[in-house]
Protein backbone atom coordinates (compact mmCIF):
# COMPACT_ATOMS: atom_id res chain seq x y z
CA MET A 1 3.79 -16.99 60.03
CA ASN A 2 7.34 -15.76 59.35
CA ARG A 3 7.77 -18.34 56.62
CA PHE A 4 4.49 -17.23 55.07
CA LEU A 5 5.67 -13.59 55.06
CA GLU A 6 9.03 -14.58 53.56
CA ASN A 7 7.27 -16.50 50.80
CA LEU A 8 4.95 -13.56 50.20
CA ARG A 9 7.91 -11.18 49.82
CA ALA A 10 9.63 -13.65 47.54
CA ALA A 11 6.52 -14.22 45.38
CA PRO A 12 7.38 -11.59 42.72
CA ARG A 13 10.89 -13.02 42.28
CA LEU A 14 9.59 -16.61 42.21
CA PHE A 15 6.89 -15.64 39.71
CA ARG A 16 9.54 -14.02 37.49
CA GLU A 17 11.73 -17.13 37.73
CA THR A 18 8.85 -19.42 36.76
CA VAL A 19 8.19 -17.29 33.67
CA PHE A 20 11.84 -16.71 32.67
CA ARG A 21 13.29 -20.03 33.80
CA SER A 22 16.68 -19.66 32.18
CA GLY A 23 17.64 -16.48 34.06
CA ARG A 24 19.11 -13.42 32.42
CA PRO A 25 20.17 -14.29 28.85
CA GLU A 26 23.84 -13.42 29.30
CA THR A 27 25.44 -16.67 28.14
CA ASP A 28 24.91 -18.84 25.08
CA ARG A 29 23.24 -21.51 27.17
CA ALA A 30 20.86 -19.01 28.81
CA ARG A 31 20.06 -17.48 25.41
CA SER A 32 19.31 -20.90 23.95
CA SER A 33 17.15 -21.84 26.92
CA PHE A 34 15.33 -18.52 26.56
CA VAL A 35 14.18 -19.58 23.09
CA PHE A 36 13.53 -23.21 24.07
CA GLY A 37 11.38 -22.16 27.03
CA SER A 38 9.18 -19.61 25.26
CA VAL A 39 6.13 -20.77 23.38
CA PHE A 40 6.15 -17.52 21.37
CA LEU A 41 9.76 -17.92 20.28
CA HIS A 42 9.84 -21.67 19.87
CA LEU A 43 9.30 -21.46 16.12
CA HIS A 44 12.75 -19.88 15.93
CA SER A 45 15.89 -21.94 15.94
CA VAL A 46 18.12 -21.17 18.94
CA ARG A 47 21.01 -20.30 16.65
CA VAL A 48 20.98 -18.62 13.26
CA HIS A 49 23.60 -18.60 10.53
CA ARG A 50 25.49 -15.34 10.05
CA TRP A 51 24.41 -15.21 6.37
CA SER A 52 20.76 -14.95 7.43
CA LEU A 53 21.51 -11.87 9.57
CA ARG A 54 22.76 -9.82 6.61
CA TRP A 55 20.21 -7.19 5.52
CA THR A 56 20.82 -7.98 1.88
CA THR A 57 19.77 -11.59 2.41
CA THR A 58 16.08 -10.90 3.07
CA LEU A 59 15.69 -7.09 3.34
CA GLY A 60 13.49 -7.94 6.31
CA LEU A 61 10.47 -8.37 4.02
CA GLY A 62 9.06 -11.43 5.76
CA ILE A 63 9.14 -9.67 9.13
CA VAL A 64 7.60 -6.54 7.58
CA THR A 65 4.71 -8.70 6.36
CA LEU A 66 4.22 -10.31 9.76
CA SER A 67 4.49 -6.94 11.51
CA ALA A 68 1.88 -5.41 9.22
CA PHE A 69 -0.43 -8.36 9.93
CA VAL A 70 -0.01 -7.87 13.68
CA ILE A 71 -0.72 -4.13 13.39
CA ALA A 72 -3.75 -4.75 11.16
CA SER A 73 -5.06 -7.38 13.61
CA ILE A 74 -4.74 -5.10 16.66
CA THR A 75 -6.37 -2.10 14.95
CA GLY A 76 -9.00 -4.37 13.40
CA VAL A 77 -10.04 -5.66 16.83
CA LEU A 78 -10.33 -2.07 18.07
CA LEU A 79 -12.55 -1.19 15.10
CA MET A 80 -14.78 -4.19 15.82
CA PHE A 81 -15.94 -2.52 19.04
CA TYR A 82 -17.87 0.02 16.97
CA TYR A 83 -18.53 -1.58 13.58
CA LYS A 84 -21.87 -3.29 12.84
CA PRO A 85 -21.99 -5.49 9.70
CA TYR A 86 -25.53 -4.64 8.55
CA PRO A 87 -26.29 -2.58 5.42
CA ASP A 88 -28.61 -0.15 7.21
CA VAL A 89 -26.03 0.79 9.85
CA ALA A 90 -22.60 -0.27 8.49
CA TYR A 91 -21.97 3.03 6.72
CA GLU A 92 -23.10 5.05 9.74
CA THR A 93 -20.80 3.14 12.08
CA ILE A 94 -17.87 3.82 9.77
CA LYS A 95 -18.81 7.51 9.78
CA ASP A 96 -18.97 7.43 13.58
CA ILE A 97 -15.53 5.81 13.70
CA HIS A 98 -14.22 8.37 11.27
CA PHE A 99 -15.76 11.54 12.74
CA VAL A 100 -16.99 10.87 16.29
CA VAL A 101 -14.98 8.16 18.06
CA PRO A 102 -11.82 9.61 19.69
CA THR A 103 -8.77 8.52 17.60
CA GLY A 104 -11.18 6.43 15.48
CA ARG A 105 -10.04 8.00 12.21
CA PHE A 106 -6.39 7.48 13.15
CA ILE A 107 -6.92 3.80 14.03
CA ARG A 108 -8.91 3.21 10.82
CA ASN A 109 -6.16 4.87 8.80
CA ILE A 110 -3.50 2.67 10.42
CA HIS A 111 -5.63 -0.41 9.75
CA ARG A 112 -5.99 0.51 6.10
CA TRP A 113 -2.32 1.36 5.55
CA SER A 114 -1.03 -1.69 7.40
CA ALA A 115 -3.17 -3.82 5.06
CA HIS A 116 -1.59 -2.11 2.05
CA VAL A 117 1.90 -2.49 3.52
CA MET A 118 1.15 -6.19 4.06
CA VAL A 119 0.11 -6.68 0.43
CA VAL A 120 3.18 -4.84 -0.92
CA SER A 121 5.64 -6.59 1.40
CA VAL A 122 4.25 -10.08 0.71
CA LEU A 123 4.62 -9.48 -3.05
CA LEU A 124 8.19 -8.22 -2.59
CA HIS A 125 8.96 -11.10 -0.22
CA MET A 126 7.80 -13.57 -2.83
CA ALA A 127 9.99 -11.87 -5.45
CA ARG A 128 12.97 -11.99 -3.05
CA VAL A 129 12.52 -15.72 -2.49
CA PHE A 130 12.32 -16.32 -6.22
CA TYR A 131 15.30 -14.16 -7.24
CA THR A 132 17.52 -15.82 -4.61
CA ALA A 133 16.31 -19.28 -5.72
CA ALA A 134 15.32 -19.95 -2.11
CA TYR A 135 12.43 -22.15 -3.29
CA ARG A 136 14.77 -25.03 -4.12
CA ALA A 137 15.13 -28.28 -2.19
CA PRO A 138 14.31 -28.83 0.59
CA ARG A 139 12.05 -25.75 0.57
CA GLU A 140 9.70 -26.66 -2.29
CA PHE A 141 6.68 -27.22 -0.05
CA ASN A 142 7.32 -23.99 1.82
CA TRP A 143 7.18 -22.13 -1.51
CA VAL A 144 3.71 -23.61 -2.05
CA ILE A 145 2.73 -22.52 1.48
CA GLY A 146 3.98 -19.05 0.55
CA MET A 147 1.70 -19.04 -2.48
CA LEU A 148 -1.25 -19.88 -0.23
CA LEU A 149 -0.20 -17.09 2.14
CA LEU A 150 -0.18 -14.64 -0.77
CA ALA A 151 -3.69 -15.72 -1.83
CA THR A 152 -4.95 -15.49 1.77
CA THR A 153 -3.44 -12.02 2.18
CA LEU A 154 -5.19 -10.79 -0.96
CA GLY A 155 -8.41 -12.42 0.25
CA LEU A 156 -8.13 -10.67 3.61
CA SER A 157 -7.66 -7.30 1.98
CA PHE A 158 -10.41 -7.88 -0.59
CA THR A 159 -13.02 -8.99 1.96
CA GLY A 160 -12.31 -5.88 4.04
CA TYR A 161 -13.02 -3.71 1.03
CA LEU A 162 -16.82 -4.13 1.28
CA LEU A 163 -17.17 -3.33 4.98
CA PRO A 164 -17.45 0.52 4.73
CA TRP A 165 -20.53 -0.08 2.53
CA ASP A 166 -19.90 3.03 0.44
CA GLN A 167 -20.08 3.45 -3.32
CA LEU A 168 -16.43 2.55 -3.81
CA ALA A 169 -16.79 -0.70 -1.87
CA TYR A 170 -20.14 -1.72 -3.33
CA TRP A 171 -19.15 -1.44 -6.97
CA ALA A 172 -15.67 -2.87 -6.48
CA ILE A 173 -17.24 -6.00 -4.98
CA THR A 174 -19.75 -6.05 -7.83
CA ILE A 175 -16.80 -6.28 -10.22
CA GLY A 176 -15.37 -9.16 -8.17
CA ALA A 177 -18.74 -10.94 -8.27
CA ASN A 178 -18.92 -10.55 -12.05
CA ILE A 179 -15.44 -12.07 -12.35
CA ALA A 180 -16.60 -15.00 -10.20
CA SER A 181 -19.50 -15.58 -12.60
CA SER A 182 -17.30 -15.20 -15.70
CA PRO A 183 -17.28 -18.96 -16.57
CA ARG A 184 -20.69 -18.14 -18.01
CA GLU A 185 -18.77 -16.68 -20.95
CA ILE A 186 -17.96 -20.26 -21.87
CA THR A 187 -21.16 -21.98 -20.80
CA ASP A 188 -23.35 -19.33 -22.48
CA ALA A 189 -21.40 -19.67 -25.72
CA LEU A 190 -21.85 -23.45 -25.57
CA GLY A 191 -25.52 -23.13 -24.58
CA ILE A 192 -25.19 -25.30 -21.46
CA THR A 193 -25.66 -22.73 -18.67
CA ARG A 194 -29.10 -24.15 -17.87
CA PHE A 195 -27.52 -27.51 -17.02
CA PHE A 196 -23.98 -26.57 -15.91
CA ASP A 197 -23.38 -23.18 -14.32
CA PRO A 198 -20.12 -23.06 -12.31
CA GLY A 199 -20.00 -19.27 -12.71
CA GLY A 200 -23.38 -18.83 -11.08
CA LEU A 201 -22.40 -21.19 -8.27
CA GLN A 202 -19.19 -19.28 -7.59
CA LYS A 203 -21.06 -15.98 -7.48
CA LEU A 204 -23.67 -17.44 -5.15
CA LEU A 205 -21.00 -18.81 -2.81
CA LEU A 206 -19.20 -15.45 -2.77
CA LEU A 207 -22.22 -13.19 -2.26
CA GLY A 208 -24.75 -15.49 -0.65
CA SER A 209 -27.30 -14.19 -3.17
CA GLU A 210 -27.52 -13.01 -6.75
CA GLU A 211 -26.59 -9.41 -5.90
CA VAL A 212 -24.40 -7.62 -3.38
CA GLY A 213 -26.55 -7.20 -0.27
CA ALA A 214 -26.94 -7.99 3.40
CA GLU A 215 -25.90 -11.62 2.95
CA SER A 216 -22.76 -10.51 1.14
CA LEU A 217 -21.82 -8.05 3.87
CA ILE A 218 -22.13 -10.55 6.74
CA ARG A 219 -20.32 -13.17 4.64
CA PHE A 220 -17.41 -10.84 3.86
CA TYR A 221 -17.31 -9.70 7.49
CA LEU A 222 -16.97 -13.25 8.84
CA LEU A 223 -14.35 -14.10 6.23
CA HIS A 224 -12.43 -10.94 7.09
CA VAL A 225 -12.44 -11.13 10.89
CA MET A 226 -12.50 -14.87 11.53
CA VAL A 227 -12.07 -17.40 8.74
CA LEU A 228 -9.18 -15.90 6.79
CA PRO A 229 -7.18 -14.78 9.88
CA ILE A 230 -7.38 -18.32 11.27
CA VAL A 231 -6.27 -19.72 7.92
CA LEU A 232 -3.43 -17.20 7.77
CA LEU A 233 -2.22 -18.03 11.29
CA ALA A 234 -2.25 -21.75 10.51
CA LEU A 235 -0.28 -21.20 7.28
CA LEU A 236 2.17 -18.87 9.04
CA SER A 237 2.84 -21.51 11.70
CA VAL A 238 3.62 -24.11 9.06
CA HIS A 239 5.67 -21.57 7.10
CA PHE A 240 7.90 -20.65 10.07
CA TRP A 241 8.17 -24.26 11.20
CA ARG A 242 9.31 -25.35 7.76
CA ILE A 243 11.94 -22.58 7.67
CA ARG A 244 13.40 -23.97 10.89
CA LYS A 245 13.21 -27.61 9.84
CA ASP A 246 14.61 -26.90 6.37
CA GLY A 247 17.83 -25.55 7.84
CA GLY A 248 16.98 -21.86 8.10
CA LEU A 249 17.13 -19.45 5.21
CA ALA A 250 18.76 -20.51 1.94
CA ARG A 251 22.40 -19.59 1.58
CA PRO A 252 25.14 -20.35 -0.93
CA ASP A 253 27.48 -23.26 -0.29
CA ASP A 254 30.43 -20.89 0.07
CA ALA A 255 28.65 -18.54 2.49
CA ASP A 256 31.18 -19.20 5.27
CA THR A 257 34.07 -18.42 2.93
CA LYS A 258 32.44 -15.16 1.82
CA LEU A 259 31.77 -14.11 5.40
CA GLY A 260 35.21 -14.98 6.69
CA PRO A 261 35.97 -16.38 10.14
CA PRO A 262 33.51 -15.49 12.92
CA ASP A 263 34.41 -13.08 15.68
CA ARG A 264 35.94 -15.06 18.54
CA SER A 265 33.76 -13.22 21.03
CA THR A 266 30.68 -14.78 19.47
CA TYR A 267 32.14 -18.27 19.17
CA PRO A 268 29.83 -20.75 20.91
CA VAL A 269 30.84 -21.90 24.36
CA PHE A 270 30.33 -25.58 25.01
CA THR A 271 30.01 -27.23 28.38
CA GLU A 272 30.90 -30.65 29.73
CA ALA A 273 27.79 -30.64 31.90
CA PRO A 274 24.78 -30.42 29.58
CA GLU A 275 21.41 -29.69 31.15
CA LYS A 276 19.51 -31.60 28.49
CA THR A 277 20.14 -35.12 27.27
CA TYR A 278 18.75 -37.00 24.30
CA HIS A 279 16.47 -39.89 25.14
CA LEU A 280 14.52 -41.66 22.41
CA ALA A 281 15.35 -38.99 19.85
CA ALA A 282 18.72 -39.07 18.15
CA ILE A 283 20.50 -37.24 15.36
CA VAL A 284 21.34 -39.74 12.66
CA ARG A 285 22.45 -39.56 9.07
CA GLY A 286 19.49 -38.71 6.86
CA LYS A 287 17.81 -35.94 4.88
CA SER A 288 17.73 -33.28 7.58
CA PRO A 289 19.69 -30.20 6.50
CA HIS A 290 21.12 -29.97 10.03
CA VAL A 291 22.96 -33.30 9.81
CA GLY A 292 26.69 -32.71 9.50
CA ARG A 293 26.44 -29.01 10.33
CA GLY A 294 27.78 -27.75 13.63
CA PRO A 295 27.08 -24.46 15.37
CA GLU A 296 30.52 -22.99 14.65
CA LYS A 297 29.31 -20.53 11.97
CA THR A 298 26.16 -19.46 13.75
CA LEU A 299 25.10 -16.87 16.31
CA PRO A 300 22.45 -17.09 19.06
CA SER A 301 19.03 -15.95 17.87
CA MET A 302 18.81 -14.10 21.17
CA PRO A 303 19.73 -11.23 20.89
CA HIS A 304 21.02 -11.00 17.27
CA LEU A 305 17.94 -12.11 15.31
CA PHE A 306 15.38 -10.84 17.80
CA THR A 307 16.92 -7.38 17.88
CA ALA A 308 16.69 -7.16 14.10
CA GLU A 309 13.07 -8.40 14.15
CA VAL A 310 12.02 -5.87 16.78
CA GLY A 311 13.76 -3.14 14.77
CA VAL A 312 11.82 -4.09 11.62
CA LEU A 313 8.58 -4.22 13.63
CA LEU A 314 9.16 -0.70 14.94
CA LEU A 315 10.04 0.63 11.48
CA THR A 316 6.90 -0.95 10.02
CA ALA A 317 4.77 0.57 12.77
CA ALA A 318 6.39 3.96 12.17
CA LEU A 319 5.68 3.71 8.43
CA CYS A 320 2.00 2.84 9.01
CA ILE A 321 1.61 5.69 11.50
CA LEU A 322 3.26 8.16 9.14
CA LEU A 323 1.00 7.10 6.26
CA ALA A 324 -2.03 7.29 8.56
CA ILE A 325 -1.13 10.86 9.44
CA VAL A 326 -0.72 12.10 5.87
CA ALA A 327 -3.57 10.20 4.14
CA ASP A 328 -7.06 9.25 5.31
CA ALA A 329 -8.80 6.01 4.44
CA PRO A 330 -11.38 6.83 1.73
CA LEU A 331 -15.10 7.00 2.48
CA LYS A 332 -17.44 7.92 -0.35
CA GLU A 333 -21.21 8.23 -0.42
CA LEU A 334 -23.51 5.53 0.95
CA ALA A 335 -23.72 2.52 -1.37
CA ASN A 336 -26.47 2.97 -3.94
CA PRO A 337 -27.22 -0.01 -6.23
CA ALA A 338 -29.13 2.32 -8.59
CA VAL A 339 -26.19 4.68 -9.25
CA PRO A 340 -23.13 2.79 -10.53
CA GLU A 341 -19.66 4.22 -10.09
CA ASN A 342 -18.01 5.17 -13.36
CA PRO A 343 -15.28 4.12 -13.44
CA ALA A 344 -15.78 1.36 -10.86
CA LYS A 345 -12.30 0.25 -9.88
CA ALA A 346 -11.17 -2.74 -7.84
CA PRO A 347 -8.45 -2.38 -5.15
CA TRP A 348 -5.16 -1.28 -6.75
CA TYR A 349 -3.57 -4.76 -6.49
CA PHE A 350 -6.42 -6.16 -8.62
CA LEU A 351 -6.42 -3.37 -11.22
CA GLY A 352 -3.94 -5.29 -13.39
CA LEU A 353 -6.44 -8.13 -13.47
CA GLN A 354 -9.27 -5.68 -14.12
CA GLU A 355 -7.37 -4.46 -17.16
CA LEU A 356 -7.25 -8.05 -18.44
CA VAL A 357 -10.88 -8.58 -17.45
CA SER A 358 -11.86 -5.65 -19.67
CA HIS A 359 -10.76 -7.82 -22.61
CA SER A 360 -12.19 -11.11 -21.32
CA ALA A 361 -13.76 -11.62 -17.89
CA PHE A 362 -13.08 -15.37 -17.86
CA MET A 363 -9.49 -15.40 -19.09
CA GLY A 364 -8.52 -12.18 -17.26
CA GLY A 365 -10.20 -13.03 -13.97
CA ILE A 366 -9.86 -16.81 -13.78
CA GLY A 367 -8.02 -18.44 -16.69
CA ILE A 368 -4.75 -16.47 -16.70
CA PRO A 369 -4.50 -16.19 -12.86
CA MET A 370 -4.94 -19.97 -12.58
CA ILE A 371 -2.21 -20.51 -15.20
CA VAL A 372 0.12 -18.15 -13.29
CA ILE A 373 -0.57 -19.79 -9.90
CA LEU A 374 -0.10 -23.28 -11.33
CA GLY A 375 3.12 -22.25 -13.09
CA LEU A 376 4.57 -20.60 -10.01
CA SER A 377 3.69 -23.60 -7.83
CA LEU A 378 5.47 -25.95 -10.23
CA ILE A 379 8.69 -23.91 -10.47
CA PRO A 380 10.54 -25.56 -7.53
CA TYR A 381 9.63 -28.99 -8.87
CA LEU A 382 10.84 -28.20 -12.38
CA ASP A 383 14.00 -26.29 -11.41
CA ARG A 384 16.22 -29.03 -9.93
CA GLU A 385 19.48 -27.15 -10.46
CA THR A 386 21.67 -26.05 -7.57
CA ALA A 387 23.95 -23.32 -8.95
CA GLY A 388 23.18 -19.89 -7.53
CA THR A 389 21.00 -21.00 -4.61
CA GLY A 390 20.81 -18.28 -1.96
CA VAL A 391 22.36 -15.63 -4.24
CA TRP A 392 20.46 -12.73 -5.75
CA PHE A 393 19.74 -13.51 -9.42
CA GLY A 394 21.74 -16.71 -9.03
CA GLY A 395 21.90 -19.20 -11.89
CA PRO A 396 22.65 -18.99 -15.63
CA GLY A 397 22.15 -15.51 -17.03
CA GLY A 398 22.02 -13.84 -13.62
CA ALA A 399 21.11 -10.19 -13.22
CA GLY A 400 21.76 -9.46 -16.91
CA LEU A 401 19.11 -11.96 -17.95
CA ALA A 402 16.63 -10.52 -15.43
CA GLY A 403 17.30 -6.99 -16.72
CA PHE A 404 16.86 -7.98 -20.37
CA SER A 405 13.68 -9.88 -19.49
CA ALA A 406 12.33 -6.78 -17.75
CA LEU A 407 12.93 -4.70 -20.89
CA PHE A 408 11.38 -7.40 -23.08
CA ALA A 409 8.29 -7.61 -20.87
CA LEU A 410 7.98 -3.83 -20.75
CA ALA A 411 8.08 -3.58 -24.55
CA ALA A 412 5.69 -6.52 -25.08
CA THR A 413 3.12 -5.35 -22.55
CA ILE A 414 3.11 -1.71 -23.60
CA GLY A 415 3.12 -2.71 -27.29
CA ILE A 416 0.07 -4.95 -27.02
CA GLU A 417 -1.79 -2.51 -24.77
CA ALA A 418 -1.02 0.37 -27.17
CA LEU A 419 -2.30 -1.70 -30.10
CA VAL A 420 -5.57 -2.46 -28.30
CA ILE A 421 -6.08 1.11 -27.08
CA ARG A 422 -5.35 2.63 -30.48
CA PHE A 423 -6.94 0.12 -32.87
CA GLY A 424 -9.25 -2.04 -30.71
CA TRP A 425 -9.46 -5.83 -30.86
CA LEU A 426 -11.43 -8.56 -32.57
CA ARG A 427 -14.88 -7.28 -31.57
CA GLN A 428 -14.19 -3.86 -33.12
CA TRP A 429 -12.65 -5.39 -36.22
CA TRP A 430 -15.24 -8.13 -36.67
CA PRO A 431 -18.54 -7.42 -34.79
CA GLU A 432 -19.94 -10.86 -35.57
CA CYS A 433 -16.92 -12.59 -34.11
CA PRO A 434 -17.90 -15.69 -32.03
CA GLN A 435 -17.74 -15.16 -28.27
CA LEU A 436 -15.58 -18.24 -27.77
CA LEU A 437 -12.93 -16.72 -30.05
CA ILE A 438 -13.10 -13.42 -28.11
CA THR A 439 -12.68 -15.34 -24.85
CA LEU A 440 -9.72 -17.41 -25.97
CA VAL A 441 -7.91 -14.94 -28.23
CA ASN A 442 -7.61 -11.65 -26.37
CA PRO A 443 -4.70 -9.37 -25.40
CA GLY A 444 -4.24 -11.17 -22.08
CA THR A 445 -3.84 -14.62 -23.63
CA ILE A 446 -1.62 -13.23 -26.40
CA LEU A 447 0.61 -11.65 -23.75
CA THR A 448 0.75 -14.92 -21.80
CA VAL A 449 1.74 -16.84 -24.93
CA VAL A 450 4.47 -14.28 -25.73
CA TYR A 451 5.88 -14.63 -22.21
CA ALA A 452 5.77 -18.44 -22.44
CA LEU A 453 7.53 -18.53 -25.83
CA TYR A 454 10.20 -16.17 -24.51
CA SER A 455 10.73 -18.45 -21.50
CA ILE A 456 11.03 -21.55 -23.70
CA GLY A 457 13.60 -19.70 -25.80
CA LEU A 458 15.65 -18.99 -22.68
CA VAL A 459 15.52 -22.64 -21.59
CA ARG A 460 16.94 -23.69 -24.97
CA ARG A 461 19.55 -20.94 -25.11
CA TYR A 462 20.96 -21.50 -21.63
CA ASP A 463 20.02 -25.18 -21.36
CA SER A 464 18.66 -24.27 -17.97
CA THR A 465 15.19 -24.44 -16.42
CA ARG A 466 16.27 -21.78 -13.94
CA ALA A 467 16.98 -19.33 -16.78
CA GLY A 468 13.52 -19.96 -18.25
CA ALA A 469 11.88 -19.51 -14.85
CA LEU A 470 13.87 -16.32 -14.22
CA GLY A 471 12.71 -14.83 -17.52
CA LEU A 472 9.09 -15.94 -17.09
CA PHE A 473 8.79 -14.65 -13.51
CA THR A 474 10.31 -11.31 -14.50
CA CYS A 475 7.91 -10.99 -17.43
CA PHE A 476 4.86 -11.58 -15.24
CA ALA A 477 6.19 -9.20 -12.56
CA ILE A 478 6.74 -6.39 -15.08
CA GLY A 479 3.44 -7.16 -16.82
CA PHE A 480 1.64 -6.94 -13.46
CA ILE A 481 3.26 -3.55 -12.73
CA VAL A 482 2.50 -2.08 -16.18
CA LEU A 483 -1.13 -3.24 -16.20
CA THR A 484 -1.62 -1.99 -12.64
CA VAL A 485 -0.25 1.45 -13.54
CA ILE A 486 -2.56 1.60 -16.57
CA GLY A 487 -5.54 0.59 -14.44
CA VAL A 488 -4.76 3.08 -11.68
CA HIS A 489 -3.81 6.16 -13.68
CA PHE A 490 -4.93 5.83 -17.30
CA ARG A 491 -8.42 4.32 -17.15
CA GLY A 492 -11.45 6.56 -16.72
CA PRO A 493 -15.22 6.44 -17.31
CA ASN A 494 -16.37 3.36 -19.26
CA TRP A 495 -12.80 2.07 -18.82
CA ASP A 496 -11.62 4.28 -21.67
CA PHE A 497 -7.99 5.37 -21.87
CA TYR A 498 -7.14 8.93 -20.71
CA TRP A 499 -3.71 10.47 -20.32
CA SER A 500 -4.93 12.34 -17.24
CA PRO A 501 -8.03 12.34 -14.99
CA SER A 502 -8.39 16.01 -15.96
CA ASP A 503 -9.40 14.76 -19.43
CA TRP A 504 -12.38 12.79 -18.08
CA PRO A 505 -15.75 13.99 -19.46
CA ARG A 506 -17.71 16.13 -16.99
CA HIS A 507 -21.47 16.41 -16.69
């Protein structure tokens, strides 16, 4: 009986020891074992290079994205307790969440703002990876995974747009459905839609019917709360695992020289009595980035990396809460298929595409985005140079080339947009113009060709694929920003140009 009582008193301590088997993380060995023994931390390497811990290396953008996803997931689950994905009650449940449920409005606001923070941070994270040339070998595949993560993030945000079932959501999704059916521009012009209708099939797969309705709502709901989150988690796991297996974050070859000698207090302590031994596995000469690299220039992930990650998580949460306090998530009138919104605008991150779609639905919504995605995916396989890896704006041309490209893209985009807004395009000049010509020769395709020719010019001038990629990426980034600003602030009813919303016609 005494032994039983002793074991009962010791149970809390024994339970703690079975969970945290390495003891207090006060030594390098204990810190390493802390990471090895935790399923949640195992995607981290036990040690991290000092270059990766500098704020200027990553700006914490990857962790901001992950933090925003975690916040959006938690608040999304809380909202699911009250939301019902049926057209006759969806709007009412959102109103209940907004006006009746205690803290419901606050949680909905956080959910909305964390989604926006996630979209912004994933775009900036992608730009950071590109401008530091971190997509190069052996990280080419991880760049492609990053592209899929970007597409999944946009999909998550887009599918959540319909759920309030208000006018804003209904007509924004209607625009998305029309973009999905835009291949009919081509098939109608060729007269083959009766036999070959990929646009109609895409629209049917997206909406579950010919129009936005109950089938669309349940389809978007399942995509938003189940399918896309699972896809995102799977891609994130691969993404983090590849970062670890590819030798951590990219860094220049002379990173150790730039950083100087490490502090002796953080120098790793080795032991003559290892607790783990290698059995069938062995470190041999090969392609692994870890071969030939010792731990001398690294620091334990616990606590250095984890402290920084927790700090970024808290800052992201604070930002979302602050935004949720100062701005409510929008909720307009109940969706009414008989009263279209004018202007009907997509989410802000798609308004650049909507501007292109206004010239040609197929090229703006499908053709040009596919060209951009394909081009970005090929960049690490075309750029086989090594100079400037891990350095901001590394490579021939550097920051000066990026700055000049930004000015070039700004002038080209604004110039073409100003021409179209002031003088119109082919349809206004030549009303009988064939539809195929309108589809293929529009401001969006002209802009893409200008960017491409500029990039080819840079490749020849610098004799460098990296220089061409740097110019092309900068052009598309600036073009995206300019078109988004035009779509957000300067487009009004009937998608006409207005200097200010106060100039919109009133009825």
